[in-house]
Structure formats: structure tokens, C-alpha cells
C-alpha atoms as a PDB file:
ATOM      1  CA  MET A   1       0.000   0.000   0.000  1.00  0.00           C
ATOM      2  CA  LYS A   2       2.872   2.362   0.730  1.00  0.00           C
ATOM      3  CA  ASP A   3       4.526   1.612  -2.624  1.00  0.00           C
ATOM      4  CA  CYS A   4       1.356   2.352  -4.641  1.00  0.00           C
ATOM      5  CA  PRO A   5      -0.672   4.940  -2.715  1.00  0.00           C
ATOM      6  CA  ASP A   6      -2.858   5.788  -5.730  1.00  0.00           C
ATOM      7  CA  ILE A   7      -4.235   2.267  -6.166  1.00  0.00           C
ATOM      8  CA  PRO A   8      -7.579   1.736  -4.404  1.00  0.00           C
ATOM      9  CA  ILE A   9      -7.632  -1.165  -1.952  1.00  0.00           C
ATOM     10  CA  THR A  10     -10.892  -2.949  -1.165  1.00  0.00           C
ATOM     11  CA  VAL A  11     -11.034  -5.687   1.462  1.00  0.00           C
ATOM     12  CA  ILE A  12     -13.944  -8.119   1.367  1.00  0.00           C
ATOM     13  CA  ALA A  13     -14.896  -9.907   4.597  1.00  0.00           C
ATOM     14  CA  ASN A  14     -16.703 -12.937   3.179  1.00  0.00           C
ATOM     15  CA  LYS A  15     -18.569 -15.686   5.040  1.00  0.00           C
ATOM     16  CA  GLN A  16     -20.171 -13.221   7.462  1.00  0.00           C
ATOM     17  CA  ASP A  17     -23.062 -15.656   7.858  1.00  0.00           C
ATOM     18  CA  LEU A  18     -20.824 -18.077   9.797  1.00  0.00           C
ATOM     19  CA  ALA A  19     -20.789 -17.987  13.595  1.00  0.00           C
ATOM     20  CA  ASN A  20     -16.990 -17.724  13.825  1.00  0.00           C
ATOM     21  CA  ALA A  21     -16.582 -15.026  11.135  1.00  0.00           C
ATOM     22  CA  LEU A  22     -14.240 -12.208  12.082  1.00  0.00           C
ATOM     23  CA  ASP A  23     -16.053  -8.868  12.287  1.00  0.00           C
ATOM     24  CA  PRO A  24     -15.244  -6.548   9.346  1.00  0.00           C
ATOM     25  CA  SER A  25     -14.288  -3.749  11.756  1.00  0.00           C
ATOM     26  CA  ALA A  26     -11.566  -5.987  13.229  1.00  0.00           C
ATOM     27  CA  ILE A  27     -10.293  -6.737   9.738  1.00  0.00           C
ATOM     28  CA  SER A  28     -10.330  -3.008   8.931  1.00  0.00           C
ATOM     29  CA  LYS A  29      -8.292  -2.272  12.032  1.00  0.00           C
ATOM     30  CA  VAL A  30      -5.625  -4.846  11.083  1.00  0.00           C
ATOM     31  CA  MET A  31      -5.527  -3.987   7.365  1.00  0.00           C
ATOM     32  CA  GLY A  32      -5.758  -0.224   7.767  1.00  0.00           C
ATOM     33  CA  VAL A  33      -8.517   0.064   5.146  1.00  0.00           C
ATOM     34  CA  GLU A  34     -12.284  -0.396   5.195  1.00  0.00           C
ATOM     35  CA  ALA A  35     -13.424  -4.028   5.048  1.00  0.00           C
ATOM     36  CA  ARG A  36     -16.816  -4.678   3.481  1.00  0.00           C
ATOM     37  CA  SER A  37     -19.129  -7.439   4.689  1.00  0.00           C
ATOM     38  CA  MET A  38     -19.997 -10.223   2.288  1.00  0.00           C
ATOM     39  CA  VAL A  39     -22.129 -13.351   2.215  1.00  0.00           C
ATOM     40  CA  ALA A  40     -21.540 -14.660  -1.303  1.00  0.00           C
ATOM     41  CA  VAL A  41     -24.613 -16.886  -1.306  1.00  0.00           C
ATOM     42  CA  ASP A  42     -26.903 -13.915  -0.471  1.00  0.00           C
ATOM     43  CA  LEU A  43     -27.861 -11.901  -3.562  1.00  0.00           C
ATOM     44  CA  ALA A  44     -28.498  -8.742  -1.513  1.00  0.00           C
ATOM     45  CA  PHE A  45     -24.890  -8.768  -0.257  1.00  0.00           C
ATOM     46  CA  ARG A  46     -23.555  -9.374  -3.765  1.00  0.00           C
ATOM     47  CA  ASN A  47     -25.543  -6.468  -5.205  1.00  0.00           C
ATOM     48  CA  LYS A  48     -24.405  -4.166  -2.376  1.00  0.00           C
ATOM     49  CA  LEU A  49     -20.787  -5.210  -2.942  1.00  0.00           C
ATOM     50  CA  LEU A  50     -21.076  -4.679  -6.690  1.00  0.00           C
ATOM     51  CA  GLY A  51     -22.377  -1.174  -6.039  1.00  0.00           C
ATOM     52  CA  SER A  52     -19.528  -0.472  -3.601  1.00  0.00           C
ATOM     53  CA  LEU A  53     -16.892  -1.710  -6.053  1.00  0.00           C
ATOM     54  CA  THR A  54     -18.432   0.381  -8.817  1.00  0.00           C
ATOM     55  CA  GLU A  55     -18.271   3.456  -6.600  1.00  0.00           C
ATOM     56  CA  VAL A  56     -14.628   2.811  -5.649  1.00  0.00           C
ATOM     57  CA  LEU A  57     -13.575   2.342  -9.288  1.00  0.00           C
ATOM     58  CA  CYS A  58     -15.552   5.313 -10.573  1.00  0.00           C
ATOM     59  CA  ASN A  59     -14.102   7.560  -7.878  1.00  0.00           C
ATOM     60  CA  HIS A  60     -10.564   6.318  -8.602  1.00  0.00           C
ATOM     61  CA  PHE A  61     -10.882   6.996 -12.334  1.00  0.00           C
ATOM     62  CA  ASP A  62     -12.825  10.233 -11.777  1.00  0.00           C
ATOM     63  CA  LEU A  63     -15.944   8.896 -13.499  1.00  0.00           C
ATOM     64  CA  GLU A  64     -19.565   9.549 -12.673  1.00  0.00           C
ATOM     65  CA  VAL A  65     -21.142   6.703 -10.698  1.00  0.00           C
ATOM     66  CA  PRO A  66     -23.987   5.304 -12.817  1.00  0.00           C
ATOM     67  CA  GLU A  67     -27.424   5.630 -11.266  1.00  0.00           C
ATOM     68  CA  ILE A  68     -28.710   2.175 -12.150  1.00  0.00           C
ATOM     69  CA  PRO A  69     -29.454  -0.828  -9.941  1.00  0.00           C
ATOM     70  CA  SER A  70     -26.336  -2.831  -9.094  1.00  0.00           C
ATOM     71  CA  GLU A  71     -27.682  -6.007 -10.648  1.00  0.00           C
ATOM     72  CA  GLU A  72     -27.942  -4.203 -14.008  1.00  0.00           C
ATOM     73  CA  LEU A  73     -24.275  -3.167 -13.989  1.00  0.00           C
ATOM     74  CA  LEU A  74     -23.202  -6.592 -15.220  1.00  0.00           C
ATOM     75  CA  SER A  75     -25.271  -6.179 -18.386  1.00  0.00           C
ATOM     76  CA  PHE A  76     -22.663  -3.680 -19.656  1.00  0.00           C
ATOM     77  CA  ILE A  77     -19.870  -6.274 -19.657  1.00  0.00           C
END
């Protein structure tokens, strides 16, 4: 992170539906960047994560964040 300060870092805390999952705030504290919750088998989490990743990338490349539902973003690929 120190060598490439301009590259956005996104940490995904997957498996948050498991009883022994480490809290994303603890991961954030260790990593020094925001950790985002994820339950890959839950569509709502996936759509929220897709929206977050879109926002991070758009902000990094100084692009306008599209105002469309997250699940429709994949139709542009």
C-alpha cells in the first residue's frame, strides 16, 4: 500500500453468515482500510458489494457513478 498509494484497496470480509466469522471492523483495524461485509450466497450482499466496487472504481478513475441498480451493472460487460 505504501509503494502504490494511488491504487484503491478494497477488502472483502466474506462468510459473514458463519458464527466464527471475524467482524469486518476488526479486519479493517488490522488492514488499515475499510473491510466490506460479504455473504456470497446472499444476492443482496452481492448487489451491495457490486455497487460499492463500482463506486470505488468510478471515484478512482474520476468517473460519474452510474445511477442504475447494481444487478444491471453486469449487463454492460
